[in-house]
Amino acid sequence: MKIYVDDLLKEIRQMQPIDLSDEDYFDSKPDQTWNVIQSIINRAPNIYKDDLALFDVEIATNGDELLFNSEFDCERFADALDKHVFGFTECHTGYYDPYEDAISGETDENSGWYYIDFD
């Protein structure tokens, strides 16, 4: 089943924004955060298992990171995660540049995808 960035963003935005004044925040939020991330990763097609081309899907995973075929979707998804899911940690965005990967000899299934990774 194909999943779409806008559908996942709606789910995330329905969550309560982070409240750092909540005394129970640091007891409950880390588990909730990783549950949200793991749920998204589990639903996203896996580039290693599902034999995906870059533009077959809007969002995918390599098992550890969320992958996007556009920088716009990657950045707005990261912004939503920062606002509604994270607070004590950050997500980082980047790009697996096919040209640089080819020069370094590291071309693989990640090449060409924008990504979000998590601390």
Protein backbone atom coordinates (compact mmCIF):
# COMPACT_ATOMS: atom_id res chain seq x y z
CA MET A 1 0.00 0.00 0.00
CA LYS A 2 1.37 3.38 -0.99
CA ILE A 3 1.62 5.96 1.79
CA TYR A 4 1.75 9.68 1.22
CA VAL A 5 3.61 12.43 3.02
CA ASP A 6 0.46 14.56 3.42
CA ASP A 7 -1.40 11.69 5.12
CA LEU A 8 1.43 11.14 7.60
CA LEU A 9 1.70 14.87 8.25
CA LYS A 10 -2.01 14.98 9.13
CA GLU A 11 -1.44 12.21 11.68
CA ILE A 12 1.52 14.01 13.23
CA ARG A 13 -0.24 17.38 13.35
CA GLN A 14 -3.14 15.82 15.24
CA MET A 15 -0.76 15.09 18.10
CA GLN A 16 -0.51 17.63 20.89
CA PRO A 17 2.44 20.00 20.46
CA ILE A 18 5.32 19.39 22.83
CA ASP A 19 4.93 20.95 26.28
CA LEU A 20 8.34 21.16 27.96
CA SER A 21 6.72 22.50 31.15
CA ASP A 22 4.98 19.14 31.65
CA GLU A 23 6.76 17.44 34.57
CA ASP A 24 5.99 13.98 33.17
CA TYR A 25 7.38 14.91 29.75
CA PHE A 26 10.77 13.28 30.17
CA ASP A 27 9.25 10.13 31.66
CA SER A 28 6.77 9.46 28.85
CA LYS A 29 7.84 11.39 25.76
CA PRO A 30 10.91 9.38 24.70
CA ASP A 31 8.86 6.17 24.44
CA GLN A 32 6.02 7.94 22.64
CA THR A 33 8.47 9.59 20.25
CA TRP A 34 10.11 6.34 19.23
CA ASN A 35 6.73 4.64 18.94
CA VAL A 36 5.66 7.29 16.40
CA ILE A 37 8.91 7.01 14.43
CA GLN A 38 8.86 3.20 14.49
CA SER A 39 5.24 3.19 13.31
CA ILE A 40 6.13 5.38 10.31
CA ILE A 41 9.22 3.32 9.48
CA ASN A 42 7.21 0.09 9.73
CA ARG A 43 4.58 1.39 7.27
CA ALA A 44 6.96 2.93 4.76
CA PRO A 45 8.20 0.79 1.88
CA ASN A 46 11.76 -0.43 2.46
CA ILE A 47 14.19 0.40 -0.35
CA TYR A 48 16.17 -2.78 0.30
CA LYS A 49 13.22 -5.18 0.48
CA ASP A 50 10.71 -3.66 -1.93
CA ASP A 51 12.93 -2.91 -4.97
CA LEU A 52 11.77 0.70 -5.29
CA ALA A 53 12.79 3.28 -7.83
CA LEU A 54 13.33 6.80 -6.48
CA PHE A 55 10.07 8.21 -7.80
CA ASP A 56 7.85 5.17 -7.14
CA VAL A 57 6.96 6.58 -3.72
CA GLU A 58 6.93 9.88 -1.82
CA ILE A 59 8.33 8.38 1.38
CA ALA A 60 10.31 5.22 2.06
CA THR A 61 12.81 3.89 4.58
CA ASN A 62 16.14 2.13 4.66
CA GLY A 63 15.26 0.69 8.06
CA ASP A 64 16.89 3.48 10.07
CA GLU A 65 16.00 6.70 8.28
CA LEU A 66 12.97 8.14 6.54
CA LEU A 67 13.66 8.79 2.86
CA PHE A 68 11.91 11.28 0.58
CA ASN A 69 12.08 11.90 -3.13
CA SER A 70 11.82 15.69 -2.67
CA GLU A 71 13.66 18.13 -0.44
CA PHE A 72 10.41 20.03 0.16
CA ASP A 73 8.64 16.98 1.62
CA CYS A 74 11.68 16.04 3.68
CA GLU A 75 12.01 19.49 5.24
CA ARG A 76 8.31 19.96 6.01
CA PHE A 77 8.13 16.47 7.52
CA ALA A 78 11.16 17.21 9.69
CA ASP A 79 9.58 20.51 10.80
CA ALA A 80 6.36 18.71 11.80
CA LEU A 81 8.31 16.07 13.73
CA ASP A 82 10.29 18.76 15.56
CA LYS A 83 7.11 20.58 16.54
CA HIS A 84 4.83 17.68 17.44
CA VAL A 85 7.03 14.73 18.31
CA PHE A 86 10.50 15.81 19.40
CA GLY A 87 11.61 18.23 22.05
CA PHE A 88 14.55 16.67 23.82
CA THR A 89 16.26 15.60 20.61
CA GLU A 90 16.36 16.62 16.98
CA CYS A 91 15.91 15.03 13.64
CA HIS A 92 18.51 15.82 10.98
CA THR A 93 17.96 16.15 7.27
CA GLY A 94 20.34 15.57 4.41
CA TYR A 95 20.75 14.33 0.87
CA TYR A 96 22.48 11.27 -0.52
CA ASP A 97 24.01 13.00 -3.53
CA PRO A 98 24.41 10.52 -6.41
CA TYR A 99 27.29 12.51 -7.92
CA GLU A 100 29.27 12.62 -4.67
CA ASP A 101 28.40 8.99 -3.96
CA ALA A 102 29.76 7.98 -7.38
CA ILE A 103 33.00 9.89 -6.80
CA SER A 104 33.49 8.26 -3.39
CA GLY A 105 32.45 4.84 -4.71
CA GLU A 106 29.57 4.64 -2.24
CA THR A 107 26.63 4.50 -4.66
CA ASP A 108 23.84 2.34 -3.28
CA GLU A 109 20.05 2.30 -2.89
CA ASN A 110 20.20 5.45 -0.74
CA SER A 111 21.67 7.58 -3.55
CA GLY A 112 19.28 10.30 -4.72
CA TRP A 113 17.06 10.30 -1.62
CA TYR A 114 16.62 13.12 0.88
CA TYR A 115 16.62 11.73 4.40
CA ILE A 116 15.69 12.34 8.01
CA ASP A 117 17.72 10.58 10.67
CA PHE A 118 17.14 10.59 14.39
CA ASP A 119 19.31 10.90 17.48
